[in-house]
Amino acid sequence: MNVWEQLAEKQISSPRKARMRAVETRAQRKREKELQDRGILFKMWLKWHEERKAMLLAGAWGGAARELADLLERMTLDDAPALLAHVKAGPWREADRDTRFLTLAMIDHRIIYIREQAGLVPMDDSLPWIGEEPTVFEQIKELLT
């Protein structure tokens, strides 16, 4: 501590120091509560996604969804063309909007996971105004929306 901080420490009365500590304690508790609430919300969000995925796998599109989930589990960075071909050949265009959205979300999450495991940025969309070809995900998104 420098000399000025030592002097300030001596000058501040005990009741004032107690109030200052109380303010710091309340602020710390508030931060901890916010982090705890975020954690709870994140767990609820994950559970909600798992429930939706389970509904898809058990629903009318369950067979096709299981095939897609199996492909996604085995997929590597080099399997992007196979994923695109599988989605093109699948029944997803006839599915309802929610099913297509959930299918797209499953694909998106898996692509992000694979890219992060390979040390790449999670998303790398094309820039069409400079002539880049659309990514496989963008092509799948176009098919399903």
N, C-alpha and C. Protein backbone atom coordinates (compact mmCIF):
# COMPACT_ATOMS: atom_id res chain seq x y z
N MET A 1 0.83 -1.18 0.00
CA MET A 1 0.00 0.00 0.00
C MET A 1 0.88 1.25 0.00
N ASN A 2 0.45 2.25 -0.70
CA ASN A 2 1.23 3.47 -0.68
C ASN A 2 0.83 4.33 0.53
N VAL A 3 1.53 5.38 0.74
CA VAL A 3 1.33 6.24 1.91
C VAL A 3 -0.07 6.83 1.93
N TRP A 4 -0.59 7.23 0.80
CA TRP A 4 -1.90 7.88 0.75
C TRP A 4 -3.01 6.89 1.08
N GLU A 5 -2.86 5.64 0.62
CA GLU A 5 -3.86 4.62 0.96
C GLU A 5 -3.82 4.31 2.44
N GLN A 6 -2.63 4.30 3.05
CA GLN A 6 -2.52 4.07 4.48
C GLN A 6 -3.18 5.19 5.27
N LEU A 7 -2.97 6.42 4.84
CA LEU A 7 -3.59 7.56 5.50
C LEU A 7 -5.11 7.50 5.37
N ALA A 8 -5.59 7.16 4.18
CA ALA A 8 -7.04 7.06 3.97
C ALA A 8 -7.63 5.97 4.85
N GLU A 9 -6.90 4.87 4.98
CA GLU A 9 -7.37 3.76 5.82
C GLU A 9 -7.52 4.21 7.27
N LYS A 10 -6.61 5.04 7.74
CA LYS A 10 -6.68 5.55 9.12
C LYS A 10 -7.79 6.58 9.28
N GLN A 11 -8.05 7.33 8.25
CA GLN A 11 -9.02 8.44 8.33
C GLN A 11 -10.47 7.96 8.30
N ILE A 12 -10.74 6.85 7.62
CA ILE A 12 -12.11 6.37 7.48
C ILE A 12 -12.54 5.69 8.78
N SER A 13 -13.69 6.09 9.27
CA SER A 13 -14.18 5.54 10.54
C SER A 13 -14.68 4.11 10.35
N SER A 14 -14.75 3.37 11.43
CA SER A 14 -15.18 1.97 11.39
C SER A 14 -16.60 1.80 10.86
N PRO A 15 -17.57 2.62 11.31
CA PRO A 15 -18.92 2.46 10.76
C PRO A 15 -18.96 2.66 9.23
N ARG A 16 -18.17 3.62 8.75
CA ARG A 16 -18.13 3.87 7.31
C ARG A 16 -17.51 2.68 6.58
N LYS A 17 -16.45 2.11 7.14
CA LYS A 17 -15.81 0.93 6.55
C LYS A 17 -16.79 -0.23 6.50
N ALA A 18 -17.60 -0.40 7.54
CA ALA A 18 -18.58 -1.48 7.57
C ALA A 18 -19.61 -1.30 6.47
N ARG A 19 -20.06 -0.04 6.25
CA ARG A 19 -21.04 0.22 5.18
C ARG A 19 -20.41 -0.06 3.81
N MET A 20 -19.14 0.30 3.65
CA MET A 20 -18.46 0.05 2.38
C MET A 20 -18.34 -1.46 2.12
N ARG A 21 -18.01 -2.22 3.16
CA ARG A 21 -17.92 -3.67 3.02
C ARG A 21 -19.29 -4.27 2.69
N ALA A 22 -20.34 -3.70 3.31
CA ALA A 22 -21.69 -4.20 3.05
C ALA A 22 -22.08 -3.97 1.59
N VAL A 23 -21.72 -2.81 1.06
CA VAL A 23 -22.02 -2.51 -0.34
C VAL A 23 -21.28 -3.50 -1.25
N GLU A 24 -20.01 -3.76 -0.96
CA GLU A 24 -19.24 -4.70 -1.76
C GLU A 24 -19.81 -6.11 -1.67
N THR A 25 -20.25 -6.50 -0.48
CA THR A 25 -20.82 -7.83 -0.28
C THR A 25 -22.12 -7.98 -1.07
N ARG A 26 -22.97 -6.95 -1.03
CA ARG A 26 -24.23 -7.01 -1.80
C ARG A 26 -23.96 -7.10 -3.29
N ALA A 27 -22.99 -6.33 -3.76
CA ALA A 27 -22.65 -6.36 -5.18
C ALA A 27 -22.13 -7.75 -5.58
N GLN A 28 -21.29 -8.34 -4.73
CA GLN A 28 -20.76 -9.67 -5.01
C GLN A 28 -21.87 -10.70 -5.02
N ARG A 29 -22.80 -10.63 -4.07
CA ARG A 29 -23.93 -11.57 -4.04
C ARG A 29 -24.80 -11.42 -5.28
N LYS A 30 -24.99 -10.18 -5.72
CA LYS A 30 -25.80 -9.94 -6.92
C LYS A 30 -25.13 -10.57 -8.14
N ARG A 31 -23.80 -10.40 -8.28
CA ARG A 31 -23.08 -11.02 -9.39
C ARG A 31 -23.18 -12.55 -9.33
N GLU A 32 -23.02 -13.11 -8.14
CA GLU A 32 -23.12 -14.57 -7.98
C GLU A 32 -24.52 -15.06 -8.32
N LYS A 33 -25.55 -14.32 -7.93
CA LYS A 33 -26.93 -14.70 -8.22
C LYS A 33 -27.17 -14.66 -9.74
N GLU A 34 -26.65 -13.64 -10.41
CA GLU A 34 -26.82 -13.54 -11.86
C GLU A 34 -26.14 -14.72 -12.57
N LEU A 35 -24.94 -15.08 -12.11
CA LEU A 35 -24.25 -16.23 -12.70
C LEU A 35 -25.02 -17.52 -12.45
N GLN A 36 -25.54 -17.66 -11.26
CA GLN A 36 -26.32 -18.86 -10.94
C GLN A 36 -27.58 -18.92 -11.80
N ASP A 37 -28.26 -17.78 -11.97
CA ASP A 37 -29.46 -17.74 -12.81
C ASP A 37 -29.13 -18.09 -14.26
N ARG A 38 -28.00 -17.57 -14.76
CA ARG A 38 -27.59 -17.90 -16.13
C ARG A 38 -27.34 -19.39 -16.28
N GLY A 39 -26.69 -19.97 -15.28
CA GLY A 39 -26.43 -21.40 -15.31
C GLY A 39 -27.72 -22.21 -15.35
N ILE A 40 -28.69 -21.80 -14.55
CA ILE A 40 -29.99 -22.49 -14.52
C ILE A 40 -30.68 -22.35 -15.87
N LEU A 41 -30.68 -21.14 -16.43
CA LEU A 41 -31.32 -20.93 -17.73
C LEU A 41 -30.62 -21.74 -18.82
N PHE A 42 -29.29 -21.81 -18.77
CA PHE A 42 -28.56 -22.58 -19.77
C PHE A 42 -28.91 -24.06 -19.68
N LYS A 43 -29.00 -24.59 -18.46
CA LYS A 43 -29.38 -25.99 -18.28
C LYS A 43 -30.79 -26.23 -18.80
N MET A 44 -31.69 -25.29 -18.55
CA MET A 44 -33.07 -25.43 -19.04
C MET A 44 -33.08 -25.41 -20.57
N TRP A 45 -32.28 -24.54 -21.16
CA TRP A 45 -32.20 -24.44 -22.62
C TRP A 45 -31.68 -25.74 -23.21
N LEU A 46 -30.61 -26.30 -22.60
CA LEU A 46 -30.08 -27.58 -23.08
C LEU A 46 -31.12 -28.69 -22.97
N LYS A 47 -31.83 -28.73 -21.86
CA LYS A 47 -32.86 -29.75 -21.66
C LYS A 47 -33.97 -29.60 -22.70
N TRP A 48 -34.36 -28.38 -22.98
CA TRP A 48 -35.40 -28.11 -23.97
C TRP A 48 -34.95 -28.62 -25.35
N HIS A 49 -33.70 -28.36 -25.71
CA HIS A 49 -33.19 -28.84 -27.01
C HIS A 49 -33.14 -30.36 -27.06
N GLU A 50 -32.74 -30.97 -25.97
CA GLU A 50 -32.70 -32.45 -25.93
C GLU A 50 -34.10 -33.03 -26.05
N GLU A 51 -35.08 -32.40 -25.40
CA GLU A 51 -36.46 -32.87 -25.49
C GLU A 51 -36.99 -32.75 -26.92
N ARG A 52 -36.67 -31.63 -27.57
CA ARG A 52 -37.11 -31.45 -28.96
C ARG A 52 -36.46 -32.47 -29.88
N LYS A 53 -35.19 -32.74 -29.67
CA LYS A 53 -34.50 -33.75 -30.48
C LYS A 53 -35.11 -35.12 -30.25
N ALA A 54 -35.42 -35.44 -28.99
CA ALA A 54 -36.05 -36.73 -28.68
C ALA A 54 -37.42 -36.83 -29.34
N MET A 55 -38.18 -35.73 -29.34
CA MET A 55 -39.49 -35.73 -30.01
C MET A 55 -39.34 -35.97 -31.50
N LEU A 56 -38.32 -35.37 -32.10
CA LEU A 56 -38.09 -35.57 -33.53
C LEU A 56 -37.74 -37.02 -33.81
N LEU A 57 -36.86 -37.60 -33.00
CA LEU A 57 -36.44 -38.98 -33.21
C LEU A 57 -37.57 -39.97 -32.98
N ALA A 58 -38.54 -39.61 -32.13
CA ALA A 58 -39.64 -40.51 -31.83
C ALA A 58 -40.88 -40.22 -32.69
N GLY A 59 -40.86 -39.14 -33.43
CA GLY A 59 -42.04 -38.73 -34.18
C GLY A 59 -42.16 -39.36 -35.55
N ALA A 60 -42.98 -38.74 -36.38
CA ALA A 60 -43.27 -39.26 -37.72
C ALA A 60 -42.02 -39.30 -38.60
N TRP A 61 -41.09 -38.42 -38.36
CA TRP A 61 -39.87 -38.35 -39.16
C TRP A 61 -38.71 -39.05 -38.44
N GLY A 62 -39.02 -39.90 -37.49
CA GLY A 62 -38.01 -40.54 -36.65
C GLY A 62 -36.98 -41.35 -37.40
N GLY A 63 -37.41 -42.14 -38.37
CA GLY A 63 -36.46 -42.98 -39.12
C GLY A 63 -35.44 -42.13 -39.86
N ALA A 64 -35.93 -41.14 -40.58
CA ALA A 64 -35.02 -40.26 -41.32
C ALA A 64 -34.15 -39.45 -40.37
N ALA A 65 -34.73 -39.05 -39.25
CA ALA A 65 -33.98 -38.26 -38.27
C ALA A 65 -32.86 -39.10 -37.64
N ARG A 66 -33.14 -40.37 -37.37
CA ARG A 66 -32.11 -41.24 -36.80
C ARG A 66 -30.97 -41.46 -37.80
N GLU A 67 -31.32 -41.64 -39.08
CA GLU A 67 -30.29 -41.79 -40.11
C GLU A 67 -29.41 -40.54 -40.17
N LEU A 68 -30.07 -39.38 -40.13
CA LEU A 68 -29.33 -38.12 -40.16
C LEU A 68 -28.46 -37.98 -38.91
N ALA A 69 -29.00 -38.30 -37.74
CA ALA A 69 -28.23 -38.21 -36.49
C ALA A 69 -27.02 -39.14 -36.54
N ASP A 70 -27.20 -40.34 -37.08
CA ASP A 70 -26.08 -41.28 -37.21
C ASP A 70 -25.00 -40.71 -38.13
N LEU A 71 -25.43 -40.14 -39.25
CA LEU A 71 -24.48 -39.54 -40.18
C LEU A 71 -23.74 -38.39 -39.51
N LEU A 72 -24.47 -37.56 -38.77
CA LEU A 72 -23.85 -36.43 -38.10
C LEU A 72 -22.84 -36.88 -37.05
N GLU A 73 -23.13 -37.97 -36.36
CA GLU A 73 -22.20 -38.49 -35.35
C GLU A 73 -20.89 -38.97 -35.97
N ARG A 74 -20.97 -39.56 -37.15
CA ARG A 74 -19.77 -40.10 -37.81
C ARG A 74 -19.05 -39.05 -38.65
N MET A 75 -19.67 -37.93 -38.86
CA MET A 75 -19.19 -36.94 -39.81
C MET A 75 -17.85 -36.31 -39.40
N THR A 76 -17.03 -36.03 -40.40
CA THR A 76 -15.79 -35.28 -40.22
C THR A 76 -15.85 -34.07 -41.15
N LEU A 77 -14.81 -33.27 -41.14
CA LEU A 77 -14.79 -32.09 -42.02
C LEU A 77 -14.88 -32.45 -43.50
N ASP A 78 -14.37 -33.61 -43.86
CA ASP A 78 -14.35 -34.02 -45.26
C ASP A 78 -15.68 -34.59 -45.75
N ASP A 79 -16.62 -34.80 -44.84
CA ASP A 79 -17.90 -35.42 -45.20
C ASP A 79 -19.00 -34.43 -45.57
N ALA A 80 -18.65 -33.19 -45.79
CA ALA A 80 -19.66 -32.18 -46.11
C ALA A 80 -20.47 -32.53 -47.36
N PRO A 81 -19.84 -32.97 -48.46
CA PRO A 81 -20.63 -33.33 -49.64
C PRO A 81 -21.61 -34.47 -49.37
N ALA A 82 -21.20 -35.44 -48.55
CA ALA A 82 -22.08 -36.55 -48.21
C ALA A 82 -23.28 -36.06 -47.41
N LEU A 83 -23.06 -35.12 -46.51
CA LEU A 83 -24.16 -34.54 -45.74
C LEU A 83 -25.14 -33.82 -46.66
N LEU A 84 -24.63 -33.04 -47.57
CA LEU A 84 -25.49 -32.33 -48.51
C LEU A 84 -26.29 -33.31 -49.35
N ALA A 85 -25.67 -34.35 -49.84
CA ALA A 85 -26.37 -35.35 -50.65
C ALA A 85 -27.43 -36.07 -49.82
N HIS A 86 -27.11 -36.36 -48.56
CA HIS A 86 -28.07 -37.04 -47.69
C HIS A 86 -29.31 -36.17 -47.46
N VAL A 87 -29.10 -34.89 -47.23
CA VAL A 87 -30.24 -33.99 -47.00
C VAL A 87 -31.05 -33.83 -48.28
N LYS A 88 -30.38 -33.73 -49.42
CA LYS A 88 -31.10 -33.61 -50.70
C LYS A 88 -31.95 -34.84 -50.97
N ALA A 89 -31.41 -36.01 -50.63
CA ALA A 89 -32.12 -37.27 -50.90
C ALA A 89 -33.20 -37.56 -49.86
N GLY A 90 -33.11 -36.92 -48.71
CA GLY A 90 -34.04 -37.21 -47.62
C GLY A 90 -35.41 -36.58 -47.82
N PRO A 91 -36.33 -36.89 -46.91
CA PRO A 91 -37.71 -36.41 -47.03
C PRO A 91 -37.94 -35.05 -46.41
N TRP A 92 -36.88 -34.32 -46.13
CA TRP A 92 -37.02 -33.11 -45.31
C TRP A 92 -37.81 -32.00 -45.97
N ARG A 93 -37.83 -31.93 -47.28
CA ARG A 93 -38.57 -30.85 -47.95
C ARG A 93 -40.08 -30.97 -47.73
N GLU A 94 -40.56 -32.20 -47.51
CA GLU A 94 -41.99 -32.40 -47.28
C GLU A 94 -42.37 -32.25 -45.80
N ALA A 95 -41.37 -32.14 -44.93
CA ALA A 95 -41.64 -32.05 -43.50
C ALA A 95 -42.21 -30.68 -43.15
N ASP A 96 -42.86 -30.62 -41.99
CA ASP A 96 -43.41 -29.34 -41.54
C ASP A 96 -42.26 -28.39 -41.16
N ARG A 97 -42.61 -27.14 -41.00
CA ARG A 97 -41.61 -26.10 -40.75
C ARG A 97 -40.80 -26.36 -39.48
N ASP A 98 -41.45 -26.75 -38.39
CA ASP A 98 -40.74 -27.00 -37.14
C ASP A 98 -39.75 -28.15 -37.28
N THR A 99 -40.13 -29.19 -37.99
CA THR A 99 -39.25 -30.33 -38.19
C THR A 99 -38.03 -29.92 -39.01
N ARG A 100 -38.26 -29.15 -40.06
CA ARG A 100 -37.14 -28.68 -40.88
C ARG A 100 -36.21 -27.78 -40.06
N PHE A 101 -36.79 -26.92 -39.23
CA PHE A 101 -35.98 -26.04 -38.39
C PHE A 101 -35.14 -26.84 -37.40
N LEU A 102 -35.75 -27.83 -36.77
CA LEU A 102 -35.02 -28.65 -35.80
C LEU A 102 -33.92 -29.46 -36.50
N THR A 103 -34.22 -29.95 -37.69
CA THR A 103 -33.21 -30.67 -38.47
C THR A 103 -32.04 -29.75 -38.80
N LEU A 104 -32.34 -28.55 -39.21
CA LEU A 104 -31.29 -27.58 -39.53
C LEU A 104 -30.49 -27.24 -38.28
N ALA A 105 -31.14 -27.12 -37.14
CA ALA A 105 -30.43 -26.83 -35.89
C ALA A 105 -29.50 -27.97 -35.51
N MET A 106 -29.94 -29.22 -35.70
CA MET A 106 -29.07 -30.37 -35.42
C MET A 106 -27.82 -30.33 -36.30
N ILE A 107 -28.02 -30.04 -37.56
CA ILE A 107 -26.91 -29.98 -38.50
C ILE A 107 -25.97 -28.84 -38.12
N ASP A 108 -26.54 -27.70 -37.81
CA ASP A 108 -25.75 -26.52 -37.43
C ASP A 108 -24.90 -26.80 -36.20
N HIS A 109 -25.50 -27.37 -35.17
CA HIS A 109 -24.76 -27.65 -33.94
C HIS A 109 -23.60 -28.61 -34.20
N ARG A 110 -23.86 -29.62 -35.02
CA ARG A 110 -22.81 -30.60 -35.29
C ARG A 110 -21.69 -29.99 -36.11
N ILE A 111 -22.02 -29.17 -37.10
CA ILE A 111 -20.99 -28.52 -37.91
C ILE A 111 -20.13 -27.61 -37.03
N ILE A 112 -20.75 -26.86 -36.16
CA ILE A 112 -20.01 -25.98 -35.26
C ILE A 112 -19.08 -26.80 -34.37
N TYR A 113 -19.59 -27.90 -33.83
CA TYR A 113 -18.77 -28.76 -32.96
C TYR A 113 -17.56 -29.30 -33.72
N ILE A 114 -17.79 -29.79 -34.92
CA ILE A 114 -16.70 -30.37 -35.72
C ILE A 114 -15.66 -29.31 -36.06
N ARG A 115 -16.12 -28.12 -36.43
CA ARG A 115 -15.19 -27.04 -36.76
C ARG A 115 -14.36 -26.63 -35.55
N GLU A 116 -15.01 -26.53 -34.39
CA GLU A 116 -14.27 -26.15 -33.19
C GLU A 116 -13.25 -27.22 -32.80
N GLN A 117 -13.63 -28.50 -32.95
CA GLN A 117 -12.69 -29.58 -32.65
C GLN A 117 -11.48 -29.55 -33.58
N ALA A 118 -11.66 -29.06 -34.78
CA ALA A 118 -10.57 -28.97 -35.75
C ALA A 118 -9.77 -27.68 -35.59
N GLY A 119 -10.13 -26.84 -34.62
CA GLY A 119 -9.41 -25.60 -34.38
C GLY A 119 -9.81 -24.47 -35.31
N LEU A 120 -10.96 -24.60 -35.95
CA LEU A 120 -11.46 -23.56 -36.85
C LEU A 120 -12.48 -22.69 -36.13
N VAL A 121 -12.79 -21.55 -36.73
CA VAL A 121 -13.84 -20.71 -36.17
C VAL A 121 -15.17 -21.45 -36.31
N PRO A 122 -16.12 -21.22 -35.40
CA PRO A 122 -17.38 -21.99 -35.43
C PRO A 122 -18.17 -21.83 -36.73
N MET A 123 -18.20 -20.62 -37.27
CA MET A 123 -18.97 -20.38 -38.49
C MET A 123 -18.09 -19.65 -39.48
N ASP A 124 -18.26 -19.99 -40.74
CA ASP A 124 -17.47 -19.35 -41.79
C ASP A 124 -18.33 -19.27 -43.05
N ASP A 125 -19.34 -18.41 -43.00
CA ASP A 125 -20.23 -18.28 -44.13
C ASP A 125 -19.53 -17.60 -45.31
N SER A 126 -20.05 -17.87 -46.48
CA SER A 126 -19.46 -17.31 -47.69
C SER A 126 -19.82 -15.84 -47.83
N LEU A 127 -19.07 -15.17 -48.67
CA LEU A 127 -19.33 -13.77 -48.99
C LEU A 127 -19.72 -13.71 -50.46
N PRO A 128 -21.03 -13.81 -50.75
CA PRO A 128 -21.45 -13.92 -52.14
C PRO A 128 -21.12 -12.70 -52.99
N TRP A 129 -21.01 -11.52 -52.41
CA TRP A 129 -20.75 -10.33 -53.19
C TRP A 129 -19.31 -10.27 -53.72
N ILE A 130 -18.45 -11.17 -53.23
CA ILE A 130 -17.09 -11.25 -53.79
C ILE A 130 -16.91 -12.54 -54.59
N GLY A 131 -18.01 -13.24 -54.83
CA GLY A 131 -17.97 -14.40 -55.69
C GLY A 131 -17.70 -15.73 -55.01
N GLU A 132 -17.75 -15.79 -53.68
CA GLU A 132 -17.52 -17.07 -53.00
C GLU A 132 -18.74 -17.97 -53.15
N GLU A 133 -18.46 -19.25 -53.31
CA GLU A 133 -19.53 -20.24 -53.39
C GLU A 133 -20.16 -20.42 -52.02
N PRO A 134 -21.46 -20.71 -51.96
CA PRO A 134 -22.10 -20.95 -50.66
C PRO A 134 -21.53 -22.19 -49.98
N THR A 135 -21.44 -22.12 -48.66
CA THR A 135 -20.96 -23.27 -47.90
C THR A 135 -22.01 -24.38 -47.93
N VAL A 136 -21.62 -25.56 -47.50
CA VAL A 136 -22.56 -26.68 -47.46
C VAL A 136 -23.72 -26.34 -46.53
N PHE A 137 -23.44 -25.72 -45.39
CA PHE A 137 -24.51 -25.37 -44.47
C PHE A 137 -25.48 -24.39 -45.13
N GLU A 138 -24.96 -23.40 -45.84
CA GLU A 138 -25.83 -22.45 -46.51
C GLU A 138 -26.69 -23.14 -47.58
N GLN A 139 -26.14 -24.11 -48.27
CA GLN A 139 -26.90 -24.85 -49.27
C GLN A 139 -28.01 -25.67 -48.59
N ILE A 140 -27.67 -26.30 -47.46
CA ILE A 140 -28.68 -27.08 -46.72
C ILE A 140 -29.75 -26.16 -46.19
N LYS A 141 -29.35 -25.02 -45.68
CA LYS A 141 -30.32 -24.04 -45.16
C LYS A 141 -31.27 -23.61 -46.27
N GLU A 142 -30.76 -23.40 -47.43
CA GLU A 142 -31.59 -23.02 -48.58
C GLU A 142 -32.60 -24.14 -48.91
N LEU A 143 -32.16 -25.38 -48.80
CA LEU A 143 -33.06 -26.51 -49.06
C LEU A 143 -34.17 -26.63 -48.03
N LEU A 144 -33.84 -26.35 -46.77
CA LEU A 144 -34.79 -26.61 -45.68
C LEU A 144 -35.65 -25.41 -45.31
N THR A 145 -35.35 -24.23 -45.81
CA THR A 145 -36.19 -23.08 -45.47
C THR A 145 -37.07 -22.66 -46.59
